Amino acid sequence: MTANSSSKNYSELLREIKKLEVRLDDFLKEEKIFTENLKKFIEKLRDSCDKIERLKNKPEELAALRLEIAQALNNVLKSEGEAQHERSHLLESYGASIIALEEEFKRKLSKL
């Protein structure tokens, strides 16, 4: 094996490590958005407890509140989906990184 192909293989491992770092950052960003949306949803539910009682004789306003709650839940579900999507990329990178590492070990051990 030439020095050039060895450095190419090592750069493959570095590429996978960098990809893993980027995917971790993407996941953390989406996870933060999900957490913020979930907190907003919880606060919307908490605020709604009092409003529901006050609006029991105002069906139009009650319907509007119900829609607001549904929209807040929709935001939570969308952001959780995005976080899960990024988590799946992270899982892919775990495997790709360990395979690249194993290939690097194999190449180094074959030279012994």
PDB file of N, CA and C in Angstrom:
ATOM      1  N   MET A   1       0.858  -1.176   0.000  1.00  0.00           N
ATOM      2  CA  MET A   1       0.000   0.000   0.000  1.00  0.00           C
ATOM      3  C   MET A   1       0.899   1.233   0.000  1.00  0.00           C
ATOM      4  N   THR A   2       0.557   2.194  -0.798  1.00  0.00           N
ATOM      5  CA  THR A   2       1.366   3.402  -0.898  1.00  0.00           C
ATOM      6  C   THR A   2       1.029   4.372   0.223  1.00  0.00           C
ATOM      7  N   ALA A   3       1.930   5.301   0.453  1.00  0.00           N
ATOM      8  CA  ALA A   3       1.698   6.318   1.485  1.00  0.00           C
ATOM      9  C   ALA A   3       0.481   7.161   1.133  1.00  0.00           C
ATOM     10  N   ASN A   4       0.266   7.371  -0.163  1.00  0.00           N
ATOM     11  CA  ASN A   4      -0.872   8.183  -0.600  1.00  0.00           C
ATOM     12  C   ASN A   4      -2.195   7.509  -0.264  1.00  0.00           C
ATOM     13  N   SER A   5      -2.289   6.202  -0.506  1.00  0.00           N
ATOM     14  CA  SER A   5      -3.544   5.514  -0.196  1.00  0.00           C
ATOM     15  C   SER A   5      -3.752   5.417   1.307  1.00  0.00           C
ATOM     16  N   SER A   6      -2.662   5.319   2.075  1.00  0.00           N
ATOM     17  CA  SER A   6      -2.789   5.286   3.532  1.00  0.00           C
ATOM     18  C   SER A   6      -3.312   6.616   4.059  1.00  0.00           C
ATOM     19  N   SER A   7      -2.801   7.716   3.525  1.00  0.00           N
ATOM     20  CA  SER A   7      -3.285   9.026   3.966  1.00  0.00           C
ATOM     21  C   SER A   7      -4.709   9.254   3.495  1.00  0.00           C
ATOM     22  N   LYS A   8      -5.059   8.676   2.328  1.00  0.00           N
ATOM     23  CA  LYS A   8      -6.441   8.779   1.848  1.00  0.00           C
ATOM     24  C   LYS A   8      -7.376   8.056   2.806  1.00  0.00           C
ATOM     25  N   ASN A   9      -6.985   6.878   3.241  1.00  0.00           N
ATOM     26  CA  ASN A   9      -7.804   6.116   4.171  1.00  0.00           C
ATOM     27  C   ASN A   9      -7.930   6.830   5.510  1.00  0.00           C
ATOM     28  N   TYR A  10      -6.829   7.399   5.992  1.00  0.00           N
ATOM     29  CA  TYR A  10      -6.870   8.152   7.235  1.00  0.00           C
ATOM     30  C   TYR A  10      -7.776   9.365   7.086  1.00  0.00           C
ATOM     31  N   SER A  11      -7.729   9.993   5.927  1.00  0.00           N
ATOM     32  CA  SER A  11      -8.600  11.154   5.704  1.00  0.00           C
ATOM     33  C   SER A  11     -10.071  10.722   5.671  1.00  0.00           C
ATOM     34  N   GLU A  12     -10.333   9.470   5.295  1.00  0.00           N
ATOM     35  CA  GLU A  12     -11.706   8.946   5.331  1.00  0.00           C
ATOM     36  C   GLU A  12     -12.205   8.899   6.774  1.00  0.00           C
ATOM     37  N   LEU A  13     -11.351   8.469   7.677  1.00  0.00           N
ATOM     38  CA  LEU A  13     -11.706   8.448   9.094  1.00  0.00           C
ATOM     39  C   LEU A  13     -11.950   9.873   9.596  1.00  0.00           C
ATOM     40  N   LEU A  14     -11.080  10.792   9.229  1.00  0.00           N
ATOM     41  CA  LEU A  14     -11.261  12.186   9.639  1.00  0.00           C
ATOM     42  C   LEU A  14     -12.548  12.772   9.067  1.00  0.00           C
ATOM     43  N   ARG A  15     -12.858  12.400   7.834  1.00  0.00           N
ATOM     44  CA  ARG A  15     -14.102  12.869   7.206  1.00  0.00           C
ATOM     45  C   ARG A  15     -15.312  12.378   7.982  1.00  0.00           C
ATOM     46  N   GLU A  16     -15.300  11.123   8.397  1.00  0.00           N
ATOM     47  CA  GLU A  16     -16.413  10.568   9.166  1.00  0.00           C
ATOM     48  C   GLU A  16     -16.523  11.227  10.543  1.00  0.00           C
ATOM     49  N   ILE A  17     -15.381  11.529  11.134  1.00  0.00           N
ATOM     50  CA  ILE A  17     -15.402  12.213  12.431  1.00  0.00           C
ATOM     51  C   ILE A  17     -16.007  13.602  12.285  1.00  0.00           C
ATOM     52  N   LYS A  18     -15.610  14.323  11.252  1.00  0.00           N
ATOM     53  CA  LYS A  18     -16.164  15.662  11.024  1.00  0.00           C
ATOM     54  C   LYS A  18     -17.664  15.594  10.738  1.00  0.00           C
ATOM     55  N   LYS A  19     -18.062  14.592   9.960  1.00  0.00           N
ATOM     56  CA  LYS A  19     -19.484  14.426   9.676  1.00  0.00           C
ATOM     57  C   LYS A  19     -20.269  14.148  10.953  1.00  0.00           C
ATOM     58  N   LEU A  20     -19.709  13.332  11.827  1.00  0.00           N
ATOM     59  CA  LEU A  20     -20.340  13.038  13.106  1.00  0.00           C
ATOM     60  C   LEU A  20     -20.495  14.312  13.935  1.00  0.00           C
ATOM     61  N   GLU A  21     -19.474  15.147  13.944  1.00  0.00           N
ATOM     62  CA  GLU A  21     -19.546  16.416  14.685  1.00  0.00           C
ATOM     63  C   GLU A  21     -20.646  17.321  14.148  1.00  0.00           C
ATOM     64  N   VAL A  22     -20.727  17.428  12.831  1.00  0.00           N
ATOM     65  CA  VAL A  22     -21.756  18.265  12.204  1.00  0.00           C
ATOM     66  C   VAL A  22     -23.138  17.720  12.528  1.00  0.00           C
ATOM     67  N   ARG A  23     -23.293  16.423  12.441  1.00  0.00           N
ATOM     68  CA  ARG A  23     -24.592  15.814  12.722  1.00  0.00           C
ATOM     69  C   ARG A  23     -24.985  15.975  14.193  1.00  0.00           C
ATOM     70  N   LEU A  24     -24.004  15.932  15.069  1.00  0.00           N
ATOM     71  CA  LEU A  24     -24.294  16.183  16.482  1.00  0.00           C
ATOM     72  C   LEU A  24     -24.787  17.616  16.665  1.00  0.00           C
ATOM     73  N   ASP A  25     -24.128  18.560  16.033  1.00  0.00           N
ATOM     74  CA  ASP A  25     -24.566  19.959  16.119  1.00  0.00           C
ATOM     75  C   ASP A  25     -25.980  20.133  15.573  1.00  0.00           C
ATOM     76  N   ASP A  26     -26.263  19.499  14.436  1.00  0.00           N
ATOM     77  CA  ASP A  26     -27.609  19.579  13.845  1.00  0.00           C
ATOM     78  C   ASP A  26     -28.653  18.986  14.781  1.00  0.00           C
ATOM     79  N   PHE A  27     -28.324  17.847  15.369  1.00  0.00           N
ATOM     80  CA  PHE A  27     -29.245  17.201  16.298  1.00  0.00           C
ATOM     81  C   PHE A  27     -29.509  18.087  17.508  1.00  0.00           C
ATOM     82  N   LEU A  28     -28.452  18.636  18.086  1.00  0.00           N
ATOM     83  CA  LEU A  28     -28.612  19.481  19.273  1.00  0.00           C
ATOM     84  C   LEU A  28     -29.453  20.721  18.970  1.00  0.00           C
ATOM     85  N   LYS A  29     -29.275  21.272  17.785  1.00  0.00           N
ATOM     86  CA  LYS A  29     -30.074  22.435  17.385  1.00  0.00           C
ATOM     87  C   LYS A  29     -31.552  22.062  17.306  1.00  0.00           C
ATOM     88  N   GLU A  30     -31.857  20.958  16.654  1.00  0.00           N
ATOM     89  CA  GLU A  30     -33.251  20.526  16.518  1.00  0.00           C
ATOM     90  C   GLU A  30     -33.839  20.100  17.861  1.00  0.00           C
ATOM     91  N   GLU A  31     -33.025  19.499  18.694  1.00  0.00           N
ATOM     92  CA  GLU A  31     -33.483  19.086  20.020  1.00  0.00           C
ATOM     93  C   GLU A  31     -33.832  20.322  20.866  1.00  0.00           C
ATOM     94  N   LYS A  32     -33.047  21.370  20.713  1.00  0.00           N
ATOM     95  CA  LYS A  32     -33.321  22.616  21.443  1.00  0.00           C
ATOM     96  C   LYS A  32     -34.642  23.229  20.980  1.00  0.00           C
ATOM     97  N   ILE A  33     -34.864  23.238  19.681  1.00  0.00           N
ATOM     98  CA  ILE A  33     -36.121  23.775  19.134  1.00  0.00           C
ATOM     99  C   ILE A  33     -37.299  22.962  19.659  1.00  0.00           C
ATOM    100  N   PHE A  34     -37.159  21.638  19.655  1.00  0.00           N
ATOM    101  CA  PHE A  34     -38.212  20.766  20.174  1.00  0.00           C
ATOM    102  C   PHE A  34     -38.505  21.092  21.639  1.00  0.00           C
ATOM    103  N   THR A  35     -37.463  21.218  22.444  1.00  0.00           N
ATOM    104  CA  THR A  35     -37.633  21.509  23.863  1.00  0.00           C
ATOM    105  C   THR A  35     -38.333  22.845  24.071  1.00  0.00           C
ATOM    106  N   GLU A  36     -37.948  23.840  23.300  1.00  0.00           N
ATOM    107  CA  GLU A  36     -38.592  25.154  23.414  1.00  0.00           C
ATOM    108  C   GLU A  36     -40.073  25.074  23.034  1.00  0.00           C
ATOM    109  N   ASN A  37     -40.380  24.357  21.959  1.00  0.00           N
ATOM    110  CA  ASN A  37     -41.777  24.207  21.541  1.00  0.00           C
ATOM    111  C   ASN A  37     -42.592  23.424  22.570  1.00  0.00           C
ATOM    112  N   LEU A  38     -41.981  22.429  23.172  1.00  0.00           N
ATOM    113  CA  LEU A  38     -42.678  21.655  24.200  1.00  0.00           C
ATOM    114  C   LEU A  38     -42.968  22.527  25.427  1.00  0.00           C
ATOM    115  N   LYS A  39     -42.023  23.357  25.812  1.00  0.00           N
ATOM    116  CA  LYS A  39     -42.246  24.265  26.942  1.00  0.00           C
ATOM    117  C   LYS A  39     -43.369  25.251  26.633  1.00  0.00           C
ATOM    118  N   LYS A  40     -43.391  25.753  25.399  1.00  0.00           N
ATOM    119  CA  LYS A  40     -44.464  26.670  24.993  1.00  0.00           C
ATOM    120  C   LYS A  40     -45.818  25.962  25.038  1.00  0.00           C
ATOM    121  N   PHE A  41     -45.851  24.719  24.600  1.00  0.00           N
ATOM    122  CA  PHE A  41     -47.085  23.942  24.622  1.00  0.00           C
ATOM    123  C   PHE A  41     -47.573  23.732  26.058  1.00  0.00           C
ATOM    124  N   ILE A  42     -46.652  23.393  26.934  1.00  0.00           N
ATOM    125  CA  ILE A  42     -47.019  23.197  28.342  1.00  0.00           C
ATOM    126  C   ILE A  42     -47.583  24.487  28.918  1.00  0.00           C
ATOM    127  N   GLU A  43     -46.949  25.595  28.608  1.00  0.00           N
ATOM    128  CA  GLU A  43     -47.438  26.888  29.095  1.00  0.00           C
ATOM    129  C   GLU A  43     -48.813  27.206  28.504  1.00  0.00           C
ATOM    130  N   LYS A  44     -49.012  26.880  27.239  1.00  0.00           N
ATOM    131  CA  LYS A  44     -50.321  27.097  26.598  1.00  0.00           C
ATOM    132  C   LYS A  44     -51.388  26.268  27.308  1.00  0.00           C
ATOM    133  N   LEU A  45     -51.084  25.030  27.628  1.00  0.00           N
ATOM    134  CA  LEU A  45     -52.034  24.186  28.364  1.00  0.00           C
ATOM    135  C   LEU A  45     -52.339  24.772  29.745  1.00  0.00           C
ATOM    136  N   ARG A  46     -51.296  25.213  30.413  1.00  0.00           N
ATOM    137  CA  ARG A  46     -51.475  25.780  31.748  1.00  0.00           C
ATOM    138  C   ARG A  46     -52.372  27.023  31.684  1.00  0.00           C
ATOM    139  N   ASP A  47     -52.091  27.908  30.734  1.00  0.00           N
ATOM    140  CA  ASP A  47     -52.907  29.122  30.560  1.00  0.00           C
ATOM    141  C   ASP A  47     -54.343  28.786  30.175  1.00  0.00           C
ATOM    142  N   SER A  48     -54.511  27.713  29.454  1.00  0.00           N
ATOM    143  CA  SER A  48     -55.837  27.331  28.971  1.00  0.00           C
ATOM    144  C   SER A  48     -56.758  26.841  30.083  1.00  0.00           C
ATOM    145  N   CYS A  49     -56.192  26.323  31.137  1.00  0.00           N
ATOM    146  CA  CYS A  49     -57.024  25.817  32.249  1.00  0.00           C
ATOM    147  C   CYS A  49     -57.986  26.888  32.749  1.00  0.00           C
ATOM    148  N   ASP A  50     -57.478  28.072  32.993  1.00  0.00           N
ATOM    149  CA  ASP A  50     -58.327  29.175  33.469  1.00  0.00           C
ATOM    150  C   ASP A  50     -59.254  29.678  32.368  1.00  0.00           C
ATOM    151  N   LYS A  51     -58.722  29.778  31.163  1.00  0.00           N
ATOM    152  CA  LYS A  51     -59.516  30.326  30.058  1.00  0.00           C
ATOM    153  C   LYS A  51     -60.706  29.446  29.710  1.00  0.00           C
ATOM    154  N   ILE A  52     -60.523  28.152  29.769  1.00  0.00           N
ATOM    155  CA  ILE A  52     -61.615  27.231  29.419  1.00  0.00           C
ATOM    156  C   ILE A  52     -62.828  27.482  30.310  1.00  0.00           C
ATOM    157  N   GLU A  53     -62.571  27.646  31.585  1.00  0.00           N
ATOM    158  CA  GLU A  53     -63.680  27.899  32.514  1.00  0.00           C
ATOM    159  C   GLU A  53     -64.347  29.243  32.220  1.00  0.00           C
ATOM    160  N   ARG A  54     -63.538  30.259  31.962  1.00  0.00           N
ATOM    161  CA  ARG A  54     -64.095  31.593  31.682  1.00  0.00           C
ATOM    162  C   ARG A  54     -64.856  31.651  30.361  1.00  0.00           C
ATOM    163  N   LEU A  55     -64.447  30.810  29.401  1.00  0.00           N
ATOM    164  CA  LEU A  55     -65.037  30.853  28.062  1.00  0.00           C
ATOM    165  C   LEU A  55     -66.130  29.807  27.837  1.00  0.00           C
ATOM    166  N   LYS A  56     -66.567  29.131  28.871  1.00  0.00           N
ATOM    167  CA  LYS A  56     -67.513  28.022  28.684  1.00  0.00           C
ATOM    168  C   LYS A  56     -68.817  28.454  28.019  1.00  0.00           C
ATOM    169  N   ASN A  57     -69.199  29.708  28.124  1.00  0.00           N
ATOM    170  CA  ASN A  57     -70.419  30.201  27.480  1.00  0.00           C
ATOM    171  C   ASN A  57     -70.126  31.018  26.217  1.00  0.00           C
ATOM    172  N   LYS A  58     -68.902  30.929  25.713  1.00  0.00           N
ATOM    173  CA  LYS A  58     -68.487  31.661  24.514  1.00  0.00           C
ATOM    174  C   LYS A  58     -67.879  30.659  23.521  1.00  0.00           C
ATOM    175  N   PRO A  59     -68.739  29.986  22.780  1.00  0.00           N
ATOM    176  CA  PRO A  59     -68.254  28.890  21.928  1.00  0.00           C
ATOM    177  C   PRO A  59     -67.241  29.315  20.861  1.00  0.00           C
ATOM    178  N   GLU A  60     -67.365  30.510  20.306  1.00  0.00           N
ATOM    179  CA  GLU A  60     -66.424  30.935  19.266  1.00  0.00           C
ATOM    180  C   GLU A  60     -65.024  31.146  19.848  1.00  0.00           C
ATOM    181  N   GLU A  61     -64.977  31.779  21.010  1.00  0.00           N
ATOM    182  CA  GLU A  61     -63.682  32.000  21.651  1.00  0.00           C
ATOM    183  C   GLU A  61     -63.093  30.688  22.155  1.00  0.00           C
ATOM    184  N   LEU A  62     -63.938  29.807  22.618  1.00  0.00           N
ATOM    185  CA  LEU A  62     -63.490  28.490  23.058  1.00  0.00           C
ATOM    186  C   LEU A  62     -62.919  27.693  21.880  1.00  0.00           C
ATOM    187  N   ALA A  63     -63.576  27.801  20.734  1.00  0.00           N
ATOM    188  CA  ALA A  63     -63.086  27.121  19.526  1.00  0.00           C
ATOM    189  C   ALA A  63     -61.736  27.695  19.090  1.00  0.00           C
ATOM    190  N   ALA A  64     -61.584  29.009  19.202  1.00  0.00           N
ATOM    191  CA  ALA A  64     -60.308  29.640  18.847  1.00  0.00           C
ATOM    192  C   ALA A  64     -59.189  29.166  19.767  1.00  0.00           C
ATOM    193  N   LEU A  65     -59.490  29.054  21.056  1.00  0.00           N
ATOM    194  CA  LEU A  65     -58.509  28.563  22.024  1.00  0.00           C
ATOM    195  C   LEU A  65     -58.132  27.116  21.710  1.00  0.00           C
ATOM    196  N   ARG A  66     -59.119  26.338  21.388  1.00  0.00           N
ATOM    197  CA  ARG A  66     -58.885  24.929  21.035  1.00  0.00           C
ATOM    198  C   ARG A  66     -57.952  24.823  19.832  1.00  0.00           C
ATOM    199  N   LEU A  67     -58.156  25.691  18.844  1.00  0.00           N
ATOM    200  CA  LEU A  67     -57.292  25.701  17.668  1.00  0.00           C
ATOM    201  C   LEU A  67     -55.870  26.123  18.038  1.00  0.00           C
ATOM    202  N   GLU A  68     -55.730  27.113  18.905  1.00  0.00           N
ATOM    203  CA  GLU A  68     -54.400  27.540  19.353  1.00  0.00           C
ATOM    204  C   GLU A  68     -53.657  26.387  20.023  1.00  0.00           C
ATOM    205  N   ILE A  69     -54.365  25.637  20.844  1.00  0.00           N
ATOM    206  CA  ILE A  69     -53.755  24.497  21.528  1.00  0.00           C
ATOM    207  C   ILE A  69     -53.331  23.438  20.508  1.00  0.00           C
ATOM    208  N   ALA A  70     -54.195  23.174  19.545  1.00  0.00           N
ATOM    209  CA  ALA A  70     -53.867  22.193  18.501  1.00  0.00           C
ATOM    210  C   ALA A  70     -52.660  22.640  17.684  1.00  0.00           C
ATOM    211  N   GLN A  71     -52.572  23.931  17.381  1.00  0.00           N
ATOM    212  CA  GLN A  71     -51.432  24.450  16.626  1.00  0.00           C
ATOM    213  C   GLN A  71     -50.138  24.336  17.432  1.00  0.00           C
ATOM    214  N   ALA A  72     -50.233  24.600  18.724  1.00  0.00           N
ATOM    215  CA  ALA A  72     -49.054  24.470  19.592  1.00  0.00           C
ATOM    216  C   ALA A  72     -48.588  23.015  19.643  1.00  0.00           C
ATOM    217  N   LEU A  73     -49.536  22.087  19.735  1.00  0.00           N
ATOM    218  CA  LEU A  73     -49.183  20.663  19.721  1.00  0.00           C
ATOM    219  C   LEU A  73     -48.574  20.275  18.374  1.00  0.00           C
ATOM    220  N   ASN A  74     -49.128  20.794  17.305  1.00  0.00           N
ATOM    221  CA  ASN A  74     -48.585  20.527  15.980  1.00  0.00           C
ATOM    222  C   ASN A  74     -47.128  20.977  15.883  1.00  0.00           C
ATOM    223  N   ASN A  75     -46.815  22.142  16.441  1.00  0.00           N
ATOM    224  CA  ASN A  75     -45.429  22.626  16.441  1.00  0.00           C
ATOM    225  C   ASN A  75     -44.514  21.685  17.211  1.00  0.00           C
ATOM    226  N   VAL A  76     -45.012  21.170  18.335  1.00  0.00           N
ATOM    227  CA  VAL A  76     -44.225  20.228  19.128  1.00  0.00           C
ATOM    228  C   VAL A  76     -43.944  18.966  18.303  1.00  0.00           C
ATOM    229  N   LEU A  77     -44.982  18.432  17.684  1.00  0.00           N
ATOM    230  CA  LEU A  77     -44.824  17.187  16.929  1.00  0.00           C
ATOM    231  C   LEU A  77     -43.892  17.369  15.733  1.00  0.00           C
ATOM    232  N   LYS A  78     -44.020  18.487  15.038  1.00  0.00           N
ATOM    233  CA  LYS A  78     -43.120  18.757  13.907  1.00  0.00           C
ATOM    234  C   LYS A  78     -41.674  18.851  14.361  1.00  0.00           C
ATOM    235  N   SER A  79     -41.454  19.602  15.436  1.00  0.00           N
ATOM    236  CA  SER A  79     -40.078  19.776  15.896  1.00  0.00           C
ATOM    237  C   SER A  79     -39.510  18.481  16.471  1.00  0.00           C
ATOM    238  N   GLU A  80     -40.354  17.674  17.087  1.00  0.00           N
ATOM    239  CA  GLU A  80     -39.869  16.375  17.556  1.00  0.00           C
ATOM    240  C   GLU A  80     -39.502  15.490  16.369  1.00  0.00           C
ATOM    241  N   GLY A  81     -40.295  15.562  15.306  1.00  0.00           N
ATOM    242  CA  GLY A  81     -39.981  14.807  14.099  1.00  0.00           C
ATOM    243  C   GLY A  81     -38.642  15.218  13.499  1.00  0.00           C
ATOM    244  N   GLU A  82     -38.381  16.517  13.474  1.00  0.00           N
ATOM    245  CA  GLU A  82     -37.097  17.007  12.958  1.00  0.00           C
ATOM    246  C   GLU A  82     -35.942  16.527  13.835  1.00  0.00           C
ATOM    247  N   ALA A  83     -36.136  16.568  15.147  1.00  0.00           N
ATOM    248  CA  ALA A  83     -35.090  16.096  16.058  1.00  0.00           C
ATOM    249  C   ALA A  83     -34.835  14.602  15.847  1.00  0.00           C
ATOM    250  N   GLN A  84     -35.894  13.830  15.678  1.00  0.00           N
ATOM    251  CA  GLN A  84     -35.740  12.393  15.428  1.00  0.00           C
ATOM    252  C   GLN A  84     -35.036  12.134  14.102  1.00  0.00           C
ATOM    253  N   HIS A  85     -35.351  12.958  13.114  1.00  0.00           N
ATOM    254  CA  HIS A  85     -34.698  12.836  11.805  1.00  0.00           C
ATOM    255  C   HIS A  85     -33.185  13.057  11.959  1.00  0.00           C
ATOM    256  N   GLU A  86     -32.826  14.104  12.680  1.00  0.00           N
ATOM    257  CA  GLU A  86     -31.398  14.380  12.890  1.00  0.00           C
ATOM    258  C   GLU A  86     -30.754  13.287  13.736  1.00  0.00           C
ATOM    259  N   ARG A  87     -31.505  12.740  14.693  1.00  0.00           N
ATOM    260  CA  ARG A  87     -30.990  11.631  15.503  1.00  0.00           C
ATOM    261  C   ARG A  87     -30.672  10.433  14.599  1.00  0.00           C
ATOM    262  N   SER A  88     -31.498  10.180  13.596  1.00  0.00           N
ATOM    263  CA  SER A  88     -31.240   9.042  12.706  1.00  0.00           C
ATOM    264  C   SER A  88     -29.944   9.247  11.922  1.00  0.00           C
ATOM    265  N   HIS A  89     -29.668  10.491  11.516  1.00  0.00           N
ATOM    266  CA  HIS A  89     -28.396  10.768  10.839  1.00  0.00           C
ATOM    267  C   HIS A  89     -27.219  10.550  11.788  1.00  0.00           C
ATOM    268  N   LEU A  90     -27.417  10.924  13.033  1.00  0.00           N
ATOM    269  CA  LEU A  90     -26.386  10.723  14.047  1.00  0.00           C
ATOM    270  C   LEU A  90     -26.096   9.228  14.205  1.00  0.00           C
ATOM    271  N   LEU A  91     -27.145   8.423  14.252  1.00  0.00           N
ATOM    272  CA  LEU A  91     -26.964   6.972  14.374  1.00  0.00           C
ATOM    273  C   LEU A  91     -26.205   6.409  13.180  1.00  0.00           C
ATOM    274  N   GLU A  92     -26.521   6.907  11.988  1.00  0.00           N
ATOM    275  CA  GLU A  92     -25.796   6.465  10.789  1.00  0.00           C
ATOM    276  C   GLU A  92     -24.311   6.785  10.913  1.00  0.00           C
ATOM    277  N   SER A  93     -24.023   7.969  11.451  1.00  0.00           N
ATOM    278  CA  SER A  93     -22.627   8.375  11.586  1.00  0.00           C
ATOM    279  C   SER A  93     -21.871   7.548  12.610  1.00  0.00           C
ATOM    280  N   TYR A  94     -22.561   7.070  13.653  1.00  0.00           N
ATOM    281  CA  TYR A  94     -21.888   6.192  14.607  1.00  0.00           C
ATOM    282  C   TYR A  94     -21.304   4.997  13.854  1.00  0.00           C
ATOM    283  N   GLY A  95     -22.171   4.372  13.066  1.00  0.00           N
ATOM    284  CA  GLY A  95     -21.740   3.183  12.328  1.00  0.00           C
ATOM    285  C   GLY A  95     -20.653   3.486  11.318  1.00  0.00           C
ATOM    286  N   ALA A  96     -20.823   4.548  10.551  1.00  0.00           N
ATOM    287  CA  ALA A  96     -19.830   4.903   9.532  1.00  0.00           C
ATOM    288  C   ALA A  96     -18.484   5.230  10.178  1.00  0.00           C
ATOM    289  N   SER A  97     -18.518   5.894  11.313  1.00  0.00           N
ATOM    290  CA  SER A  97     -17.272   6.252  11.999  1.00  0.00           C
ATOM    291  C   SER A  97     -16.547   5.012  12.513  1.00  0.00           C
ATOM    292  N   ILE A  98     -17.300   4.094  13.090  1.00  0.00           N
ATOM    293  CA  ILE A  98     -16.650   2.905  13.646  1.00  0.00           C
ATOM    294  C   ILE A  98     -16.113   2.011  12.526  1.00  0.00           C
ATOM    295  N   ILE A  99     -16.817   1.957  11.398  1.00  0.00           N
ATOM    296  CA  ILE A  99     -16.315   1.188  10.246  1.00  0.00           C
ATOM    297  C   ILE A  99     -15.029   1.810   9.711  1.00  0.00           C
ATOM    298  N   ALA A 100     -14.998   3.128   9.572  1.00  0.00           N
ATOM    299  CA  ALA A 100     -13.787   3.810   9.100  1.00  0.00           C
ATOM    300  C   ALA A 100     -12.638   3.584  10.078  1.00  0.00           C
ATOM    301  N   LEU A 101     -12.924   3.601  11.362  1.00  0.00           N
ATOM    302  CA  LEU A 101     -11.899   3.346  12.372  1.00  0.00           C
ATOM    303  C   LEU A 101     -11.387   1.908  12.262  1.00  0.00           C
ATOM    304  N   GLU A 102     -12.305   0.963  12.117  1.00  0.00           N
ATOM    305  CA  GLU A 102     -11.908  -0.446  11.979  1.00  0.00           C
ATOM    306  C   GLU A 102     -11.056  -0.659  10.731  1.00  0.00           C
ATOM    307  N   GLU A 103     -11.420   0.009   9.655  1.00  0.00           N
ATOM    308  CA  GLU A 103     -10.623  -0.121   8.424  1.00  0.00           C
ATOM    309  C   GLU A 103      -9.228   0.451   8.615  1.00  0.00           C
ATOM    310  N   GLU A 104      -9.127   1.538   9.356  1.00  0.00           N
ATOM    311  CA  GLU A 104      -7.818   2.127   9.640  1.00  0.00           C
ATOM    312  C   GLU A 104      -6.986   1.181  10.508  1.00  0.00           C
ATOM    313  N   PHE A 105      -7.606   0.583  11.532  1.00  0.00           N
ATOM    314  CA  PHE A 105      -6.890  -0.397  12.357  1.00  0.00           C
ATOM    315  C   PHE A 105      -6.425  -1.581  11.500  1.00  0.00           C
ATOM    316  N   LYS A 106      -7.303  -2.057  10.641  1.00  0.00           N
ATOM    317  CA  LYS A 106      -6.962  -3.201   9.790  1.00  0.00           C
ATOM    318  C   LYS A 106      -5.755  -2.886   8.915  1.00  0.00           C
ATOM    319  N   ARG A 107      -5.757  -1.686   8.308  1.00  0.00           N
ATOM    320  CA  ARG A 107      -4.628  -1.304   7.463  1.00  0.00           C
ATOM    321  C   ARG A 107      -3.336  -1.209   8.281  1.00  0.00           C
ATOM    322  N   LYS A 108      -3.432  -0.625   9.452  1.00  0.00           N
ATOM    323  CA  LYS A 108      -2.223  -0.487  10.281  1.00  0.00           C
ATOM    324  C   LYS A 108      -1.717  -1.852  10.739  1.00  0.00           C
ATOM    325  N   LEU A 109      -2.627  -2.737  11.127  1.00  0.00           N
ATOM    326  CA  LEU A 109      -2.219  -4.062  11.602  1.00  0.00           C
ATOM    327  C   LEU A 109      -1.661  -4.933  10.475  1.00  0.00           C
ATOM    328  N   SER A 110      -2.146  -4.714   9.252  1.00  0.00           N
ATOM    329  CA  SER A 110      -1.653  -5.521   8.133  1.00  0.00           C
ATOM    330  C   SER A 110      -0.206  -5.163   7.776  1.00  0.00           C
ATOM    331  N   LYS A 111       0.266  -4.038   8.227  1.00  0.00           N
ATOM    332  CA  LYS A 111       1.631  -3.616   7.953  1.00  0.00           C
ATOM    333  C   LYS A 111       2.619  -4.207   8.958  1.00  0.00           C
ATOM    334  N   LEU A 112       2.094  -4.778  10.033  1.00  0.00           N
ATOM    335  CA  LEU A 112       2.993  -5.326  11.063  1.00  0.00           C
ATOM    336  C   LEU A 112       3.584  -6.651  10.653  1.00  0.00           C
TER     337      LEU A 112
END
